[in-house]
N, C-alpha and C. Protein backbone atom coordinates (compact mmCIF):
# COMPACT_ATOMS: atom_id res chain seq x y z
N MET A 1 -90.42 206.11 183.52
CA MET A 1 -91.50 207.08 183.45
C MET A 1 -91.17 208.29 184.33
N ILE A 2 -91.90 209.33 184.12
CA ILE A 2 -91.72 210.56 184.89
C ILE A 2 -92.47 210.43 186.22
N CYS A 3 -91.79 210.80 187.31
CA CYS A 3 -92.37 210.71 188.65
C CYS A 3 -93.55 211.67 188.78
N GLN A 4 -94.60 211.20 189.42
CA GLN A 4 -95.80 212.01 189.65
C GLN A 4 -96.06 212.24 191.14
N THR A 5 -95.19 211.71 192.02
CA THR A 5 -95.44 211.81 193.47
C THR A 5 -94.58 212.91 194.09
N VAL A 6 -93.42 212.58 194.64
CA VAL A 6 -92.61 213.56 195.36
C VAL A 6 -91.57 214.26 194.50
N LYS A 7 -91.23 213.68 193.34
CA LYS A 7 -90.24 214.28 192.43
C LYS A 7 -90.87 214.54 191.06
N PRO A 8 -91.84 215.42 190.97
CA PRO A 8 -92.50 215.64 189.68
C PRO A 8 -91.52 216.14 188.61
N GLY A 9 -91.59 215.53 187.44
CA GLY A 9 -90.74 215.92 186.33
C GLY A 9 -89.42 215.19 186.26
N VAL A 10 -89.11 214.33 187.22
CA VAL A 10 -87.85 213.59 187.24
C VAL A 10 -88.09 212.17 186.76
N GLU A 11 -87.18 211.67 185.91
CA GLU A 11 -87.27 210.30 185.41
C GLU A 11 -87.07 209.32 186.56
N CYS A 12 -87.97 208.34 186.70
CA CYS A 12 -87.91 207.40 187.82
C CYS A 12 -88.22 205.98 187.33
N VAL A 13 -87.40 205.02 187.76
CA VAL A 13 -87.61 203.63 187.34
C VAL A 13 -88.74 202.97 188.12
N PHE A 14 -89.13 203.53 189.25
CA PHE A 14 -90.18 202.94 190.06
C PHE A 14 -91.58 203.40 189.66
N MET A 15 -91.68 204.44 188.85
CA MET A 15 -92.98 204.97 188.46
C MET A 15 -93.63 204.06 187.42
N LYS A 16 -94.83 203.62 187.71
CA LYS A 16 -95.61 202.77 186.80
C LYS A 16 -96.91 203.49 186.44
N LYS A 17 -97.67 202.91 185.59
CA LYS A 17 -98.95 203.52 185.21
C LYS A 17 -99.89 203.63 186.41
N ALA A 18 -99.79 202.67 187.34
CA ALA A 18 -100.67 202.66 188.51
C ALA A 18 -100.14 203.54 189.65
N GLY A 19 -98.97 204.14 189.47
CA GLY A 19 -98.38 204.98 190.52
C GLY A 19 -96.98 204.49 190.87
N CYS A 20 -96.47 205.02 191.95
CA CYS A 20 -95.10 204.67 192.37
C CYS A 20 -95.08 203.22 192.86
N GLY A 21 -94.13 202.45 192.33
CA GLY A 21 -94.02 201.04 192.67
C GLY A 21 -93.04 200.76 193.79
N TYR A 22 -92.40 201.81 194.34
CA TYR A 22 -91.45 201.60 195.43
C TYR A 22 -92.21 201.30 196.71
N ASN A 23 -91.55 200.62 197.63
CA ASN A 23 -92.12 200.26 198.93
C ASN A 23 -92.62 201.51 199.64
N GLY A 24 -93.89 201.59 199.90
CA GLY A 24 -94.47 202.76 200.54
C GLY A 24 -95.08 203.74 199.54
N GLY A 25 -94.82 203.55 198.27
CA GLY A 25 -95.43 204.38 197.24
C GLY A 25 -94.78 205.73 197.02
N LYS A 26 -93.60 205.96 197.60
CA LYS A 26 -92.90 207.23 197.36
C LYS A 26 -91.44 207.10 197.76
N CYS A 27 -90.62 208.00 197.23
CA CYS A 27 -89.21 208.07 197.61
C CYS A 27 -89.12 208.78 198.96
N HIS A 28 -88.07 208.46 199.71
CA HIS A 28 -87.88 209.07 201.02
C HIS A 28 -86.77 210.12 200.94
N SER A 29 -86.87 211.14 201.77
CA SER A 29 -85.89 212.22 201.75
C SER A 29 -84.56 211.75 202.34
N VAL A 30 -83.51 212.53 202.09
CA VAL A 30 -82.16 212.17 202.55
C VAL A 30 -82.07 212.27 204.06
N VAL A 31 -81.07 211.58 204.63
CA VAL A 31 -80.82 211.60 206.07
C VAL A 31 -79.60 212.49 206.33
N ASP A 32 -79.30 212.73 207.60
CA ASP A 32 -78.20 213.62 207.98
C ASP A 32 -76.85 213.15 207.43
N GLU A 33 -76.64 211.85 207.35
CA GLU A 33 -75.38 211.31 206.87
C GLU A 33 -75.13 211.67 205.40
N CYS A 34 -76.17 211.99 204.67
CA CYS A 34 -76.05 212.32 203.25
C CYS A 34 -75.56 213.75 203.01
N THR A 35 -75.50 214.56 204.03
CA THR A 35 -75.11 215.96 203.88
C THR A 35 -73.72 216.06 203.25
N GLY A 36 -73.64 216.78 202.14
CA GLY A 36 -72.38 216.95 201.43
C GLY A 36 -72.23 216.07 200.21
N CYS A 37 -73.14 215.16 200.00
CA CYS A 37 -73.07 214.25 198.85
C CYS A 37 -73.47 214.99 197.57
N ASP A 38 -72.81 214.66 196.46
CA ASP A 38 -73.12 215.28 195.17
C ASP A 38 -74.37 214.72 194.52
N ARG A 39 -74.91 213.65 195.05
CA ARG A 39 -76.07 213.00 194.44
C ARG A 39 -77.40 213.51 195.00
N ILE A 40 -77.37 214.49 195.87
CA ILE A 40 -78.60 215.04 196.45
C ILE A 40 -79.26 215.97 195.44
N GLU A 41 -80.56 215.77 195.23
CA GLU A 41 -81.35 216.64 194.36
C GLU A 41 -82.18 217.56 195.23
N GLU A 42 -82.10 218.84 194.96
CA GLU A 42 -82.90 219.83 195.68
C GLU A 42 -84.18 220.05 194.88
N LEU A 43 -85.31 219.64 195.44
CA LEU A 43 -86.61 219.77 194.78
C LEU A 43 -87.54 220.59 195.66
N PRO A 44 -88.62 221.11 195.11
CA PRO A 44 -89.56 221.89 195.94
C PRO A 44 -90.14 221.09 197.11
N SER A 45 -90.25 219.78 196.96
CA SER A 45 -90.82 218.95 198.03
C SER A 45 -89.77 218.51 199.05
N GLY A 46 -88.47 218.85 198.83
CA GLY A 46 -87.42 218.49 199.78
C GLY A 46 -86.16 218.03 199.08
N GLN A 47 -85.26 217.41 199.84
CA GLN A 47 -84.01 216.90 199.30
C GLN A 47 -84.12 215.38 199.15
N TYR A 48 -83.74 214.89 197.96
CA TYR A 48 -83.84 213.47 197.67
C TYR A 48 -82.57 212.99 196.99
N CYS A 49 -82.26 211.71 197.18
CA CYS A 49 -81.11 211.09 196.53
C CYS A 49 -81.48 210.80 195.08
N SER A 50 -80.57 211.11 194.17
CA SER A 50 -80.84 210.88 192.75
C SER A 50 -80.60 209.43 192.35
N VAL A 51 -80.02 208.63 193.25
CA VAL A 51 -79.66 207.26 192.91
C VAL A 51 -80.52 206.23 193.62
N TYR A 52 -80.86 206.47 194.88
CA TYR A 52 -81.54 205.46 195.69
C TYR A 52 -82.79 206.06 196.33
N PRO A 53 -83.93 205.35 196.31
CA PRO A 53 -85.17 205.92 196.82
C PRO A 53 -85.28 206.01 198.34
N ASP A 54 -84.50 205.22 199.10
CA ASP A 54 -84.56 205.28 200.56
C ASP A 54 -83.14 205.31 201.13
N PRO A 55 -82.54 206.49 201.23
CA PRO A 55 -81.15 206.61 201.69
C PRO A 55 -80.92 206.07 203.10
N ARG A 56 -81.93 206.08 203.94
CA ARG A 56 -81.79 205.58 205.31
C ARG A 56 -81.33 204.12 205.31
N LEU A 57 -81.83 203.33 204.38
CA LEU A 57 -81.45 201.91 204.30
C LEU A 57 -79.99 201.73 203.86
N LYS A 58 -79.48 202.65 203.06
CA LYS A 58 -78.09 202.56 202.61
C LYS A 58 -77.12 202.82 203.76
N TRP A 59 -77.51 203.65 204.73
CA TRP A 59 -76.65 203.99 205.86
C TRP A 59 -76.87 203.06 207.05
N LYS A 60 -77.83 202.18 206.96
CA LYS A 60 -78.19 201.32 208.09
C LYS A 60 -77.04 200.42 208.55
N ASN A 61 -76.32 199.81 207.62
CA ASN A 61 -75.26 198.86 207.97
C ASN A 61 -73.86 199.43 207.75
N GLY A 62 -73.72 200.72 207.73
CA GLY A 62 -72.40 201.32 207.53
C GLY A 62 -72.49 202.46 206.53
N THR A 63 -71.44 202.62 205.76
CA THR A 63 -71.36 203.72 204.81
C THR A 63 -72.12 203.39 203.53
N CYS A 64 -72.81 204.39 203.01
CA CYS A 64 -73.53 204.24 201.74
C CYS A 64 -72.51 204.08 200.61
N ASN A 65 -72.70 203.11 199.75
CA ASN A 65 -71.76 202.89 198.66
C ASN A 65 -71.90 203.91 197.54
N PHE A 66 -72.93 204.72 197.56
CA PHE A 66 -73.11 205.78 196.56
C PHE A 66 -72.60 207.12 197.04
N ALA A 67 -72.19 207.24 198.30
CA ALA A 67 -71.78 208.51 198.89
C ALA A 67 -70.53 209.05 198.21
N THR A 68 -70.61 210.29 197.72
CA THR A 68 -69.46 210.90 197.06
C THR A 68 -68.62 211.70 198.04
N HIS A 69 -69.14 211.97 199.20
CA HIS A 69 -68.43 212.80 200.17
C HIS A 69 -67.64 211.99 201.20
N VAL A 70 -67.71 210.67 201.14
CA VAL A 70 -67.01 209.80 202.08
C VAL A 70 -65.83 209.15 201.36
N LYS A 71 -64.66 209.29 201.95
CA LYS A 71 -63.46 208.67 201.38
C LYS A 71 -63.28 207.28 201.97
N LYS A 72 -63.03 206.30 201.12
CA LYS A 72 -62.82 204.94 201.59
C LYS A 72 -61.41 204.80 202.11
N GLN A 73 -61.27 204.13 203.25
CA GLN A 73 -59.97 203.91 203.84
C GLN A 73 -59.54 202.46 203.58
N SER A 74 -58.28 202.30 203.25
CA SER A 74 -57.74 200.98 203.00
C SER A 74 -57.42 200.29 204.31
N ASP A 75 -57.82 199.03 204.45
CA ASP A 75 -57.56 198.27 205.67
C ASP A 75 -56.13 197.74 205.73
N THR A 76 -55.55 197.46 204.57
CA THR A 76 -54.22 196.89 204.54
C THR A 76 -53.18 198.00 204.36
N PRO A 77 -52.11 197.94 205.15
CA PRO A 77 -51.05 198.95 204.99
C PRO A 77 -50.27 198.67 203.70
N LYS A 78 -49.68 199.72 203.15
CA LYS A 78 -48.89 199.55 201.94
C LYS A 78 -47.63 198.75 202.24
N ALA A 79 -47.33 197.83 201.37
CA ALA A 79 -46.13 197.01 201.54
C ALA A 79 -44.92 197.84 201.13
N THR A 80 -43.89 197.83 201.96
CA THR A 80 -42.68 198.56 201.63
C THR A 80 -41.71 197.61 200.93
N LEU A 81 -40.97 198.16 200.02
CA LEU A 81 -40.03 197.38 199.24
C LEU A 81 -38.62 197.62 199.78
N ASN A 82 -37.96 196.56 200.13
CA ASN A 82 -36.59 196.65 200.61
C ASN A 82 -35.68 196.76 199.38
N ALA A 83 -35.01 197.88 199.25
CA ALA A 83 -34.19 198.14 198.07
C ALA A 83 -33.03 197.16 197.95
N LEU A 84 -32.46 196.75 199.05
CA LEU A 84 -31.33 195.83 199.01
C LEU A 84 -31.77 194.46 198.49
N LYS A 85 -32.89 193.97 198.99
CA LYS A 85 -33.39 192.67 198.52
C LYS A 85 -33.80 192.74 197.05
N ALA A 86 -34.39 193.85 196.64
CA ALA A 86 -34.81 194.00 195.24
C ALA A 86 -33.61 193.99 194.31
N SER A 87 -32.54 194.64 194.71
CA SER A 87 -31.35 194.67 193.86
C SER A 87 -30.71 193.29 193.77
N LYS A 88 -30.73 192.52 194.85
CA LYS A 88 -30.19 191.16 194.83
C LYS A 88 -31.02 190.26 193.92
N ARG A 89 -32.33 190.41 193.97
CA ARG A 89 -33.21 189.60 193.09
C ARG A 89 -32.94 189.93 191.62
N LYS A 90 -32.79 191.21 191.35
CA LYS A 90 -32.54 191.63 189.98
C LYS A 90 -31.20 191.09 189.48
N ALA A 91 -30.19 191.12 190.35
CA ALA A 91 -28.87 190.60 189.97
C ALA A 91 -28.91 189.09 189.75
N ALA A 92 -29.78 188.40 190.50
CA ALA A 92 -29.88 186.95 190.36
C ALA A 92 -30.73 186.56 189.16
N GLY A 93 -31.41 187.54 188.54
CA GLY A 93 -32.22 187.28 187.36
C GLY A 93 -33.61 186.78 187.65
N ARG A 94 -34.09 186.98 188.87
CA ARG A 94 -35.44 186.51 189.23
C ARG A 94 -36.51 187.55 188.95
N MET A 95 -36.20 188.66 188.50
CA MET A 95 -37.19 189.71 188.30
C MET A 95 -37.56 189.88 186.90
């Protein structure tokens, strides 16, 4: 349904006939950590996330999984291939 509370005219899954069904009855505005994200909607009532109704909860335990401005870092280093061992394996027919 179309939102009738803080995002008028925007399609919202939480909007019901009786009003907003999200916890607290409305979507919450973005937090400072969201600055630079492509999912921020600029509305007359403020800035809101287009994906999640309460962005503060997404940043509570670390990085938001919807954030487009944060690059994920790999924990494991890239494995290097020893060219000499690879050539020996290939010659032995194990590859």
